[in-house]
N, C-alpha and C. Protein backbone atom coordinates (compact mmCIF):
# COMPACT_ATOMS: atom_id res chain seq x y z
N MET A 1 93.35 14.03 -55.08
CA MET A 1 93.09 13.32 -56.20
C MET A 1 93.22 11.60 -55.84
N ILE A 2 92.38 11.03 -56.21
CA ILE A 2 92.84 9.73 -56.00
C ILE A 2 93.80 8.91 -56.52
N SER A 3 94.10 9.51 -57.83
CA SER A 3 95.32 9.06 -58.66
C SER A 3 96.96 9.29 -57.91
N SER A 4 96.68 10.79 -57.38
CA SER A 4 97.75 11.11 -56.34
C SER A 4 98.36 10.00 -55.22
N SER A 5 96.87 9.56 -54.62
CA SER A 5 97.21 8.55 -53.39
C SER A 5 97.89 6.83 -53.82
N ILE A 6 97.47 6.62 -55.12
CA ILE A 6 97.60 5.17 -56.04
C ILE A 6 99.17 5.61 -56.12
N ILE A 7 99.63 6.64 -56.54
CA ILE A 7 100.88 6.96 -57.04
C ILE A 7 102.00 6.94 -55.57
N ARG A 8 101.52 7.51 -54.89
CA ARG A 8 102.43 7.52 -53.41
C ARG A 8 102.66 6.24 -53.30
N ASP A 9 101.43 5.34 -53.03
CA ASP A 9 101.57 3.96 -52.40
C ASP A 9 102.41 3.31 -53.34
N VAL A 10 102.36 3.42 -54.82
CA VAL A 10 103.01 2.65 -55.69
C VAL A 10 104.43 2.90 -55.26
N GLN A 11 104.82 4.34 -55.71
CA GLN A 11 106.20 4.80 -55.02
C GLN A 11 107.09 4.29 -54.03
N GLY A 12 106.15 4.02 -53.01
CA GLY A 12 106.34 3.03 -51.76
C GLY A 12 107.39 1.90 -52.21
N ILE A 13 106.54 1.38 -53.14
CA ILE A 13 107.12 0.02 -53.53
C ILE A 13 108.22 0.09 -54.55
N CYS A 14 108.18 0.93 -55.04
CA CYS A 14 109.39 1.51 -56.26
C CYS A 14 110.70 1.37 -55.33
N ALA A 15 110.37 2.24 -54.18
CA ALA A 15 111.69 2.54 -53.66
C ALA A 15 112.28 1.55 -53.43
N THR A 16 111.70 0.28 -53.05
CA THR A 16 112.46 -0.86 -52.79
C THR A 16 112.77 -1.63 -53.67
N GLY A 17 113.36 -1.24 -55.13
CA GLY A 17 113.78 -1.70 -56.05
C GLY A 17 113.03 -2.83 -56.89
N SER A 18 111.79 -3.04 -56.49
CA SER A 18 110.97 -3.95 -57.00
C SER A 18 110.11 -3.78 -57.83
N ALA A 19 110.08 -2.90 -58.60
CA ALA A 19 108.77 -2.21 -59.38
C ALA A 19 109.49 -0.91 -60.20
N LEU A 20 108.88 -0.60 -61.11
CA LEU A 20 109.16 0.35 -61.85
C LEU A 20 107.72 1.31 -62.02
N LEU A 21 107.68 2.55 -62.20
CA LEU A 21 106.44 3.10 -62.32
C LEU A 21 106.53 4.43 -63.33
N ALA A 22 105.45 4.33 -64.05
CA ALA A 22 105.35 5.67 -65.20
C ALA A 22 103.73 5.97 -64.72
N TYR A 23 103.73 7.36 -64.86
CA TYR A 23 102.27 7.76 -64.75
C TYR A 23 101.97 9.01 -65.84
N TYR A 24 100.77 9.40 -66.23
CA TYR A 24 100.30 10.70 -66.91
C TYR A 24 99.29 11.30 -66.79
N TYR A 25 99.08 12.49 -66.78
CA TYR A 25 98.06 13.02 -66.52
C TYR A 25 97.20 13.76 -67.85
N PHE A 26 96.16 13.38 -68.25
CA PHE A 26 95.62 13.82 -69.36
C PHE A 26 94.83 15.46 -68.95
N ASP A 27 95.53 16.62 -69.62
CA ASP A 27 95.42 17.82 -69.43
C ASP A 27 94.62 18.47 -70.32
N PHE A 28 93.25 19.14 -70.43
CA PHE A 28 92.73 19.78 -71.57
C PHE A 28 93.23 21.02 -71.64
N ARG A 29 93.79 21.73 -70.68
CA ARG A 29 94.69 23.03 -70.62
C ARG A 29 95.94 22.91 -71.49
N ASP A 30 96.44 21.54 -71.98
CA ASP A 30 97.44 21.81 -72.26
C ASP A 30 97.82 20.73 -73.87
N ILE A 31 97.71 21.55 -74.83
CA ILE A 31 97.48 20.61 -76.30
C ILE A 31 98.46 19.32 -76.34
N GLY A 32 99.88 19.62 -75.59
CA GLY A 32 100.91 18.43 -75.66
C GLY A 32 100.55 16.98 -74.91
N LYS A 33 99.65 17.47 -73.95
CA LYS A 33 99.11 16.29 -73.06
C LYS A 33 97.67 15.92 -73.53
N GLN A 34 97.27 15.79 -74.53
CA GLN A 34 95.84 15.08 -74.71
C GLN A 34 95.78 14.18 -75.72
N ASP A 35 96.97 13.75 -76.32
CA ASP A 35 96.91 12.57 -77.24
C ASP A 35 97.83 11.13 -77.11
N ARG A 36 97.82 10.17 -77.74
CA ARG A 36 98.65 9.37 -77.51
C ARG A 36 100.10 9.27 -77.78
N HIS A 37 100.43 10.10 -78.45
CA HIS A 37 102.04 10.48 -78.65
C HIS A 37 102.39 11.03 -77.59
N GLY A 38 101.86 12.17 -76.99
CA GLY A 38 102.03 12.83 -75.67
C GLY A 38 102.51 11.35 -74.94
N LEU A 39 101.56 10.69 -74.53
CA LEU A 39 101.32 9.64 -73.58
C LEU A 39 102.50 8.52 -73.59
N LEU A 40 102.90 8.28 -75.22
CA LEU A 40 103.44 6.96 -75.18
C LEU A 40 104.86 7.99 -75.01
N SER A 41 105.60 8.96 -75.45
CA SER A 41 106.52 9.68 -75.10
C SER A 41 107.09 9.76 -73.68
N SER A 42 106.11 10.10 -73.04
CA SER A 42 106.26 10.31 -71.49
C SER A 42 106.70 9.19 -70.72
N LEU A 43 105.76 7.93 -70.70
CA LEU A 43 105.84 6.60 -70.41
C LEU A 43 107.15 6.12 -70.92
N LEU A 44 107.27 5.71 -71.99
CA LEU A 44 108.82 5.45 -72.59
C LEU A 44 110.04 6.21 -71.72
N LEU A 45 109.85 7.60 -71.55
CA LEU A 45 111.16 8.33 -71.00
C LEU A 45 111.41 7.70 -69.65
N GLN A 46 109.94 7.96 -68.99
CA GLN A 46 109.97 7.42 -67.50
C GLN A 46 110.64 6.03 -67.19
N LEU A 47 110.22 5.25 -68.08
CA LEU A 47 110.34 3.84 -67.75
C LEU A 47 111.91 3.78 -68.03
N CYS A 48 112.29 4.30 -69.33
CA CYS A 48 113.45 3.95 -69.51
C CYS A 48 115.04 4.74 -68.67
N THR A 49 114.43 5.71 -68.08
CA THR A 49 115.37 6.64 -67.27
C THR A 49 115.33 5.51 -65.76
N GLN A 50 114.60 4.81 -65.86
CA GLN A 50 114.85 3.95 -64.24
C GLN A 50 115.56 3.02 -64.29
N SER A 51 116.34 2.58 -65.34
CA SER A 51 117.40 1.44 -65.25
C SER A 51 118.49 1.50 -66.11
N ARG A 52 119.32 0.64 -65.88
CA ARG A 52 120.74 0.74 -66.81
C ARG A 52 119.98 0.48 -67.90
N ARG A 53 119.59 -1.02 -67.79
CA ARG A 53 118.95 -1.35 -69.35
C ARG A 53 118.18 -0.42 -70.32
N GLY A 54 117.58 0.52 -69.51
CA GLY A 54 116.54 1.36 -70.04
C GLY A 54 117.33 2.36 -70.69
N TYR A 55 118.08 2.92 -69.97
CA TYR A 55 118.85 3.87 -70.49
C TYR A 55 119.87 3.66 -71.79
N GLU A 56 120.38 2.61 -71.71
CA GLU A 56 121.00 2.04 -72.87
C GLU A 56 120.21 1.76 -74.27
N PHE A 57 118.81 1.54 -73.80
CA PHE A 57 118.02 1.68 -74.95
C PHE A 57 117.58 2.55 -75.81
N LEU A 58 117.17 3.51 -74.71
CA LEU A 58 116.94 5.17 -74.81
C LEU A 58 118.17 5.48 -75.99
N SER A 59 119.25 5.46 -75.42
CA SER A 59 120.80 5.91 -75.72
C SER A 59 120.45 5.50 -77.40
N SER A 60 120.12 3.92 -77.77
CA SER A 60 120.52 3.31 -78.95
C SER A 60 119.12 4.05 -80.11
N LEU A 61 118.20 4.25 -79.31
CA LEU A 61 117.01 4.77 -80.29
C LEU A 61 117.42 6.50 -80.71
N HIS A 62 118.02 7.14 -79.64
CA HIS A 62 118.40 8.60 -79.97
C HIS A 62 119.70 8.24 -81.06
N ALA A 63 120.55 7.59 -81.16
CA ALA A 63 121.45 7.70 -82.17
C ALA A 63 120.77 6.98 -83.57
N THR A 64 120.11 6.27 -83.21
CA THR A 64 119.66 5.83 -84.86
C THR A 64 118.34 6.47 -85.22
N HIS A 65 118.03 7.64 -84.76
CA HIS A 65 117.33 8.78 -85.06
C HIS A 65 118.01 10.11 -85.48
N ASP A 66 118.98 10.03 -85.72
CA ASP A 66 119.86 11.43 -86.07
C ASP A 66 120.21 11.88 -84.92
N ASP A 67 120.35 11.53 -83.54
CA ASP A 67 120.66 11.71 -82.31
C ASP A 67 119.64 12.73 -81.75
N GLY A 68 118.52 12.33 -82.13
CA GLY A 68 116.87 13.32 -81.91
C GLY A 68 116.25 14.35 -82.71
N GLN A 69 117.09 14.21 -84.02
CA GLN A 69 116.58 15.32 -85.17
C GLN A 69 115.49 14.82 -85.73
N LYS A 70 115.53 13.22 -85.80
CA LYS A 70 114.17 12.72 -86.36
C LYS A 70 113.56 12.24 -85.66
N LEU A 71 112.17 12.83 -85.80
CA LEU A 71 111.03 12.13 -84.88
C LEU A 71 110.29 10.79 -84.76
N PRO A 72 110.29 9.70 -84.20
CA PRO A 72 109.49 8.85 -84.41
C PRO A 72 107.95 8.92 -84.55
N SER A 73 107.38 7.81 -85.18
CA SER A 73 106.02 7.89 -85.51
C SER A 73 105.71 7.15 -83.94
N ASP A 74 103.96 7.42 -84.03
CA ASP A 74 103.46 6.55 -82.88
C ASP A 74 103.65 5.32 -82.98
N SER A 75 103.73 4.53 -84.27
CA SER A 75 103.77 3.46 -84.21
C SER A 75 105.20 2.64 -83.78
N ASP A 76 106.20 3.61 -83.89
CA ASP A 76 107.54 3.42 -83.62
C ASP A 76 107.37 3.50 -82.09
N LEU A 77 106.61 4.56 -81.36
CA LEU A 77 106.71 4.39 -80.00
C LEU A 77 105.86 3.37 -79.39
N ILE A 78 105.20 2.85 -79.99
CA ILE A 78 104.13 1.70 -79.46
C ILE A 78 105.34 0.65 -79.40
N GLN A 79 105.82 0.27 -80.64
CA GLN A 79 106.54 -0.82 -80.62
C GLN A 79 108.01 -0.91 -79.60
N TRP A 80 108.50 0.47 -79.42
CA TRP A 80 109.33 0.39 -78.03
C TRP A 80 108.82 0.31 -76.90
N LEU A 81 107.90 0.88 -76.56
CA LEU A 81 106.91 0.60 -75.30
C LEU A 81 106.95 -0.67 -75.18
N LYS A 82 106.33 -1.73 -76.00
CA LYS A 82 106.71 -2.85 -75.98
C LYS A 82 107.58 -3.76 -76.02
N ASP A 83 108.60 -3.14 -76.15
CA ASP A 83 110.06 -3.46 -76.33
C ASP A 83 110.69 -3.57 -74.93
N VAL A 84 110.25 -2.20 -74.28
CA VAL A 84 110.83 -2.33 -72.91
C VAL A 84 109.90 -2.94 -71.79
N LEU A 85 108.71 -3.11 -72.02
CA LEU A 85 107.76 -4.06 -71.35
C LEU A 85 107.95 -5.42 -71.45
N THR A 86 108.69 -5.79 -72.26
CA THR A 86 109.25 -7.22 -72.48
C THR A 86 110.55 -7.66 -72.42
N PHE A 87 111.04 -6.66 -71.64
CA PHE A 87 112.66 -6.74 -71.68
C PHE A 87 112.76 -8.16 -70.42
N PRO A 88 113.82 -8.81 -70.97
CA PRO A 88 114.01 -10.41 -70.44
C PRO A 88 113.83 -9.89 -68.96
N GLY A 89 113.49 -10.94 -68.13
CA GLY A 89 113.52 -10.81 -66.84
C GLY A 89 112.67 -9.41 -65.96
N GLN A 90 112.35 -8.73 -66.80
CA GLN A 90 111.61 -7.22 -66.79
C GLN A 90 110.73 -7.13 -65.19
N GLN A 91 111.06 -6.37 -64.43
CA GLN A 91 110.50 -6.66 -62.78
C GLN A 91 109.04 -5.42 -63.27
N THR A 92 108.22 -5.64 -61.95
CA THR A 92 106.85 -5.10 -61.94
C THR A 92 106.85 -3.78 -62.88
N VAL A 93 106.04 -3.67 -63.49
CA VAL A 93 106.00 -2.10 -63.85
C VAL A 93 104.28 -1.74 -63.87
N TYR A 94 104.25 -0.58 -63.08
CA TYR A 94 102.72 0.04 -62.96
C TYR A 94 102.72 1.09 -63.80
N VAL A 95 101.68 1.49 -64.57
CA VAL A 95 101.51 2.47 -65.57
C VAL A 95 100.00 3.05 -64.63
N ILE A 96 100.21 4.29 -64.58
CA ILE A 96 98.80 4.85 -64.12
C ILE A 96 98.61 6.08 -65.11
N VAL A 97 97.25 6.21 -65.51
CA VAL A 97 96.97 7.37 -66.17
C VAL A 97 95.82 7.57 -65.31
N ASP A 98 95.88 9.23 -65.48
CA ASP A 98 94.83 9.90 -64.84
C ASP A 98 94.06 10.96 -65.75
N ALA A 99 92.84 10.85 -65.64
CA ALA A 99 91.50 11.92 -66.22
C ALA A 99 91.65 11.45 -67.75
N LEU A 100 91.52 10.50 -68.28
CA LEU A 100 91.45 10.00 -69.57
C LEU A 100 90.31 10.49 -70.39
N ASP A 101 89.16 10.76 -69.66
CA ASP A 101 88.00 12.02 -69.99
C ASP A 101 88.85 13.20 -70.80
N GLU A 102 89.65 13.50 -70.16
CA GLU A 102 90.58 14.80 -71.05
C GLU A 102 90.70 14.90 -71.90
N CYS A 103 91.36 13.57 -72.53
CA CYS A 103 91.64 13.22 -73.94
C CYS A 103 90.55 13.45 -74.78
N PRO A 104 90.63 14.08 -75.90
CA PRO A 104 89.71 14.74 -76.74
C PRO A 104 89.06 13.49 -77.58
N ASN A 105 87.63 13.48 -77.65
CA ASN A 105 87.12 12.70 -78.15
C ASN A 105 86.29 12.89 -79.67
N SER A 106 87.17 14.18 -80.30
CA SER A 106 86.58 14.63 -81.53
C SER A 106 88.00 15.14 -82.52
N PHE A 107 87.48 16.10 -83.43
CA PHE A 107 88.38 16.73 -84.34
C PHE A 107 88.66 15.89 -85.50
N ARG A 108 88.97 14.51 -84.97
CA ARG A 108 89.38 13.65 -86.40
C ARG A 108 88.91 11.92 -86.18
N TYR A 109 89.06 11.05 -87.21
CA TYR A 109 88.93 9.76 -87.18
C TYR A 109 90.28 9.17 -87.72
N PRO A 110 90.76 8.13 -86.74
CA PRO A 110 90.24 8.08 -85.39
C PRO A 110 90.56 9.26 -84.17
N THR A 111 89.76 9.57 -83.32
CA THR A 111 89.98 10.44 -82.23
C THR A 111 91.13 9.94 -81.48
N PRO A 112 91.56 11.02 -80.94
CA PRO A 112 92.60 10.84 -80.01
C PRO A 112 92.14 10.19 -79.02
N ARG A 113 91.22 9.73 -78.41
CA ARG A 113 90.70 9.11 -77.48
C ARG A 113 90.52 7.75 -78.00
N GLU A 114 90.22 7.42 -79.00
CA GLU A 114 90.13 6.18 -79.72
C GLU A 114 91.39 5.44 -79.54
N GLU A 115 92.43 6.37 -80.28
CA GLU A 115 93.91 5.73 -80.50
C GLU A 115 94.42 5.76 -79.14
N VAL A 116 94.16 6.18 -78.12
CA VAL A 116 94.59 5.91 -76.55
C VAL A 116 94.19 4.55 -76.12
N LEU A 117 92.43 4.49 -76.47
CA LEU A 117 91.85 3.31 -75.78
C LEU A 117 92.78 2.04 -76.60
N GLY A 118 92.87 2.36 -78.06
CA GLY A 118 93.27 1.19 -78.91
C GLY A 118 94.69 0.74 -78.31
N LEU A 119 95.52 1.59 -77.75
CA LEU A 119 96.74 1.27 -77.30
C LEU A 119 96.87 0.67 -75.93
N PHE A 120 95.68 0.75 -75.09
CA PHE A 120 95.57 0.32 -74.09
C PHE A 120 94.72 -1.17 -74.18
N GLU A 121 94.20 -1.43 -75.15
CA GLU A 121 93.90 -2.94 -75.55
C GLU A 121 95.00 -3.54 -76.14
N GLU A 122 95.84 -3.02 -76.75
CA GLU A 122 97.10 -3.81 -77.39
C GLU A 122 97.97 -4.20 -76.27
N LEU A 123 98.22 -3.39 -75.21
CA LEU A 123 99.09 -3.67 -73.97
C LEU A 123 98.29 -4.93 -73.66
N VAL A 124 96.95 -4.59 -72.97
CA VAL A 124 96.43 -6.14 -72.35
C VAL A 124 96.70 -7.30 -73.14
N GLU A 125 96.85 -7.28 -74.42
CA GLU A 125 96.68 -8.44 -75.69
C GLU A 125 98.27 -8.66 -75.23
N LEU A 126 99.07 -8.09 -74.96
CA LEU A 126 100.56 -8.84 -74.53
C LEU A 126 100.39 -10.04 -73.22
N LYS A 127 99.19 -9.86 -72.80
CA LYS A 127 99.15 -10.99 -71.52
C LYS A 127 100.23 -10.89 -70.41
N LEU A 128 101.09 -9.50 -70.30
CA LEU A 128 102.08 -9.30 -69.52
C LEU A 128 101.91 -9.67 -67.91
N PRO A 129 102.52 -10.65 -67.32
CA PRO A 129 101.78 -10.93 -65.71
C PRO A 129 102.56 -9.85 -64.90
N HIS A 130 103.52 -9.18 -65.52
CA HIS A 130 104.03 -7.96 -64.32
C HIS A 130 103.90 -6.70 -64.60
N LEU A 131 102.99 -6.38 -65.87
CA LEU A 131 102.23 -5.17 -66.13
C LEU A 131 101.12 -4.88 -65.29
N ARG A 132 100.97 -3.86 -64.53
CA ARG A 132 99.86 -3.42 -63.77
C ARG A 132 99.34 -1.82 -64.43
N VAL A 133 98.07 -1.84 -64.90
CA VAL A 133 97.85 -0.40 -65.72
C VAL A 133 96.40 -0.11 -64.80
N CYS A 134 96.71 1.07 -64.37
CA CYS A 134 95.29 2.08 -63.59
C CYS A 134 94.99 2.98 -64.32
N ILE A 135 93.76 3.14 -64.90
CA ILE A 135 93.30 4.69 -65.25
C ILE A 135 91.98 4.93 -64.66
N THR A 136 92.10 6.11 -64.48
CA THR A 136 91.20 6.98 -63.72
C THR A 136 90.54 8.22 -64.91
N SER A 137 89.09 8.44 -64.74
CA SER A 137 88.68 9.02 -65.72
C SER A 137 86.99 9.12 -65.25
N ARG A 138 86.47 10.12 -65.67
CA ARG A 138 85.15 10.62 -65.27
C ARG A 138 84.15 9.46 -66.23
N PRO A 139 83.02 9.44 -65.63
CA PRO A 139 82.37 8.10 -66.29
C PRO A 139 81.63 8.67 -67.91
N GLU A 140 82.44 7.90 -68.78
CA GLU A 140 82.22 8.53 -70.13
C GLU A 140 81.82 7.01 -70.87
N ILE A 141 80.82 6.79 -71.64
CA ILE A 141 80.04 5.78 -72.14
C ILE A 141 81.14 4.91 -72.96
N ASP A 142 81.99 5.74 -73.87
CA ASP A 142 82.85 5.21 -75.10
C ASP A 142 84.17 4.63 -73.87
N ILE A 143 84.51 5.17 -72.94
CA ILE A 143 85.63 4.51 -72.16
C ILE A 143 85.25 3.41 -71.42
N GLU A 144 83.83 3.47 -70.80
CA GLU A 144 83.70 2.57 -70.03
C GLU A 144 83.49 1.29 -71.07
N ASN A 145 83.06 1.40 -72.49
CA ASN A 145 82.55 0.46 -73.06
C ASN A 145 84.01 -0.54 -73.68
N ALA A 146 85.05 0.43 -73.68
CA ALA A 146 86.32 0.02 -74.08
C ALA A 146 87.08 -0.67 -73.46
N LEU A 147 87.05 -0.25 -71.97
CA LEU A 147 88.07 -0.54 -71.02
C LEU A 147 87.20 -1.77 -70.39
N GLU A 148 86.13 -1.68 -70.05
CA GLU A 148 85.55 -2.40 -68.84
C GLU A 148 85.60 -4.05 -69.28
N PRO A 149 85.89 -4.60 -70.64
CA PRO A 149 86.04 -5.87 -70.75
C PRO A 149 87.28 -5.96 -70.91
N LEU A 150 88.21 -5.12 -71.08
CA LEU A 150 90.02 -5.28 -70.63
C LEU A 150 90.25 -5.58 -68.82
N ALA A 151 89.19 -5.11 -68.40
CA ALA A 151 89.70 -4.77 -66.90
C ALA A 151 89.46 -5.81 -66.30
N SER A 152 90.75 -6.23 -65.04
CA SER A 152 90.53 -7.14 -64.22
C SER A 152 89.44 -6.58 -62.93
N HIS A 153 89.77 -5.29 -62.41
CA HIS A 153 88.73 -4.62 -61.50
C HIS A 153 88.36 -3.36 -62.02
N TRP A 154 87.04 -3.00 -61.66
CA TRP A 154 86.83 -2.03 -62.05
C TRP A 154 85.85 -1.06 -60.72
N MET A 155 85.94 0.00 -60.78
CA MET A 155 85.51 0.75 -59.79
C MET A 155 84.80 2.09 -59.81
N SER A 156 83.64 2.32 -59.50
CA SER A 156 83.07 3.59 -59.77
C SER A 156 82.74 4.36 -58.43
N LEU A 157 83.21 5.71 -58.54
CA LEU A 157 82.98 6.61 -57.18
C LEU A 157 81.73 7.36 -57.38
N HIS A 158 81.41 7.23 -58.71
CA HIS A 158 80.27 8.59 -58.82
C HIS A 158 78.72 8.03 -58.16
N ASP A 159 78.32 6.72 -58.24
CA ASP A 159 77.65 6.67 -57.33
C ASP A 159 77.47 6.45 -55.88
N GLU A 160 78.69 6.37 -55.18
CA GLU A 160 78.94 5.87 -53.83
C GLU A 160 78.25 7.17 -52.79
N SER A 161 77.50 6.94 -52.27
CA SER A 161 76.34 7.66 -51.34
C SER A 161 77.61 8.66 -50.61
N GLY A 162 78.47 8.13 -49.82
CA GLY A 162 79.37 8.43 -48.98
C GLY A 162 80.60 9.51 -49.74
N GLN A 163 80.60 9.43 -50.80
CA GLN A 163 81.28 10.29 -52.00
C GLN A 163 80.24 11.42 -51.96
N LYS A 164 79.10 11.42 -52.17
CA LYS A 164 78.19 12.32 -52.30
C LYS A 164 77.91 13.02 -51.15
N GLY A 165 77.80 12.04 -50.02
CA GLY A 165 77.81 12.93 -49.05
C GLY A 165 78.71 13.89 -48.06
N GLU A 166 80.16 13.37 -48.74
CA GLU A 166 81.19 14.58 -48.48
C GLU A 166 81.07 15.62 -49.05
N ILE A 167 80.66 15.75 -50.53
CA ILE A 167 80.41 16.75 -51.23
C ILE A 167 79.54 17.53 -50.53
N LEU A 168 78.65 17.37 -50.25
CA LEU A 168 77.06 18.13 -49.80
C LEU A 168 77.81 18.74 -48.32
N SER A 169 78.48 17.95 -47.67
CA SER A 169 79.16 18.32 -46.49
C SER A 169 79.88 19.90 -46.42
N TYR A 170 80.70 19.24 -47.47
CA TYR A 170 81.66 20.47 -47.64
C TYR A 170 81.33 21.69 -48.39
N LEU A 171 80.07 21.60 -49.21
CA LEU A 171 79.17 22.66 -49.79
C LEU A 171 78.87 23.35 -48.91
N ARG A 172 78.12 22.70 -47.84
CA ARG A 172 77.45 23.25 -46.73
C ARG A 172 78.34 24.32 -45.87
N LEU A 173 79.46 23.39 -45.68
CA LEU A 173 80.38 24.14 -44.64
C LEU A 173 80.84 25.57 -45.55
N ILE A 174 81.19 25.50 -46.72
CA ILE A 174 81.64 26.71 -47.67
C ILE A 174 80.43 27.65 -47.65
N VAL A 175 79.17 27.38 -47.95
CA VAL A 175 78.28 28.31 -47.97
C VAL A 175 77.60 28.83 -46.75
N TYR A 176 77.53 28.23 -45.62
CA TYR A 176 77.06 28.74 -44.16
C TYR A 176 78.34 29.31 -43.63
N SER A 177 79.57 29.62 -43.88
CA SER A 177 80.44 30.30 -43.57
C SER A 177 81.20 31.52 -43.99
N ASP A 178 80.60 31.71 -45.19
CA ASP A 178 80.72 32.59 -45.62
C ASP A 178 80.10 33.78 -45.72
N SER A 179 80.61 35.09 -45.39
CA SER A 179 79.67 36.24 -44.62
C SER A 179 78.75 36.52 -45.61
N LYS A 180 79.35 36.79 -46.67
CA LYS A 180 78.28 37.41 -47.79
C LYS A 180 77.17 36.21 -47.98
N ILE A 181 77.40 35.11 -48.39
CA ILE A 181 76.38 33.74 -48.34
C ILE A 181 75.32 33.82 -47.25
N ARG A 182 75.92 34.05 -46.37
CA ARG A 182 75.08 33.72 -44.91
C ARG A 182 74.02 34.61 -44.90
N ARG A 183 73.99 35.88 -45.74
CA ARG A 183 72.64 36.72 -45.61
C ARG A 183 71.68 36.60 -46.70
N TRP A 184 71.99 35.54 -47.25
CA TRP A 184 70.97 34.72 -48.39
C TRP A 184 69.78 34.35 -48.07
N ARG A 185 68.94 34.16 -48.54
CA ARG A 185 67.68 33.56 -48.27
C ARG A 185 68.05 31.90 -48.17
N GLU A 186 67.34 31.19 -46.75
CA GLU A 186 67.44 29.84 -46.91
C GLU A 186 67.47 28.91 -48.32
N GLU A 187 66.41 29.28 -48.78
CA GLU A 187 66.35 28.39 -49.98
C GLU A 187 67.07 28.73 -51.09
N ASP A 188 67.58 29.85 -51.05
CA ASP A 188 68.69 30.21 -52.07
C ASP A 188 70.12 29.59 -51.97
N LYS A 189 70.33 29.53 -50.45
CA LYS A 189 71.47 28.83 -50.11
C LYS A 189 71.51 27.21 -50.32
N GLU A 190 70.39 26.76 -49.94
CA GLU A 190 70.32 25.39 -50.45
C GLU A 190 69.92 24.87 -52.18
N LEU A 191 69.60 25.91 -52.59
CA LEU A 191 69.70 25.80 -53.91
C LEU A 191 70.98 25.55 -54.49
N VAL A 192 71.84 26.59 -54.44
CA VAL A 192 73.37 26.43 -54.96
C VAL A 192 74.08 25.31 -54.19
N ILE A 193 73.92 24.71 -52.99
CA ILE A 193 74.33 23.70 -52.61
C ILE A 193 73.66 22.46 -53.42
N ASN A 194 72.66 22.13 -53.62
CA ASN A 194 72.12 21.07 -54.25
C ASN A 194 72.58 21.07 -55.73
N THR A 195 72.48 22.28 -56.44
CA THR A 195 73.08 22.46 -57.81
C THR A 195 74.46 22.16 -58.00
N LEU A 196 75.45 22.56 -57.15
CA LEU A 196 76.89 22.46 -56.95
C LEU A 196 77.00 21.11 -57.15
N SER A 197 76.50 20.10 -55.79
CA SER A 197 76.40 18.96 -55.63
C SER A 197 76.14 17.85 -56.78
N GLU A 198 75.14 18.26 -57.55
CA GLU A 198 74.55 17.56 -58.77
C GLU A 198 75.89 17.83 -59.85
N LYS A 199 75.83 19.07 -60.08
CA LYS A 199 77.14 19.33 -61.26
C LYS A 199 78.27 18.59 -61.12
N ALA A 200 78.72 18.26 -59.67
CA ALA A 200 80.31 17.87 -59.16
C ALA A 200 80.25 16.22 -59.70
N ASN A 201 78.69 15.47 -59.83
CA ASN A 201 78.96 14.21 -60.14
C ASN A 201 79.96 13.35 -59.53
N GLY A 202 79.86 13.55 -58.70
CA GLY A 202 80.66 12.38 -57.46
C GLY A 202 81.93 13.00 -57.09
N MET A 203 82.66 14.07 -57.77
CA MET A 203 83.85 14.04 -58.12
C MET A 203 84.42 15.49 -56.99
C-alpha cells in the first residue's frame, strides 16, 4: 500500500523529534472506522500522546468531561483538534488518511463522507504552515471535486500505464503458474487476466 510507504518515511522524520504523525484508515468492515467521529478521536489521541503538552491537554479534557463518562460531540472534537494543531510553537504535524472512499456516501444528510470532506476544508482554511495532510482514495467524483481545489499536490495512479502493466504481469504470473488454470483454453486465461485487470482499476 502506498500509504504504508508514506507512513514509514514520515516515521523516520518523527524519530528525530522534529515532527508529529497521526494516521487513519477508513475501513468498510469496521463501522467504528467509517465516519468523522472515529477519525477525529483517533487523530486527537495520537497527536496528544506524542508530547507532554498534548498529554496535559488530553488530561484536562478528560477531567472536564466527568473523567470520560461524558462523550464529546463532533463539534467539541473539531475544536480540540484545532487547538492541538495551533499550540504555540507547534512542530510539523503530518496527518495521513487512507482509503477515504471507504467512508460511506449515503445513509443520511450530510453523509459521513461529506462531513469528513468538510473537516478537511476547515483544516485547510486554518492556513497552518506546519500542517501536512495526505489523503489516499480510489477515484470518486465527489472526493475529487471537494479535495482538488484544496490540494497543493494531486496525483493519480489509476491511469498510469506502468501501474496497469505491473498488474497485468502479476495476473499473468498467477494464471500461468496455477496447475489447474494452466489446463484452460488460452482465450479463457486471457479473458480472466483482462477482466481482473479492468476490475482492479489501477489498484
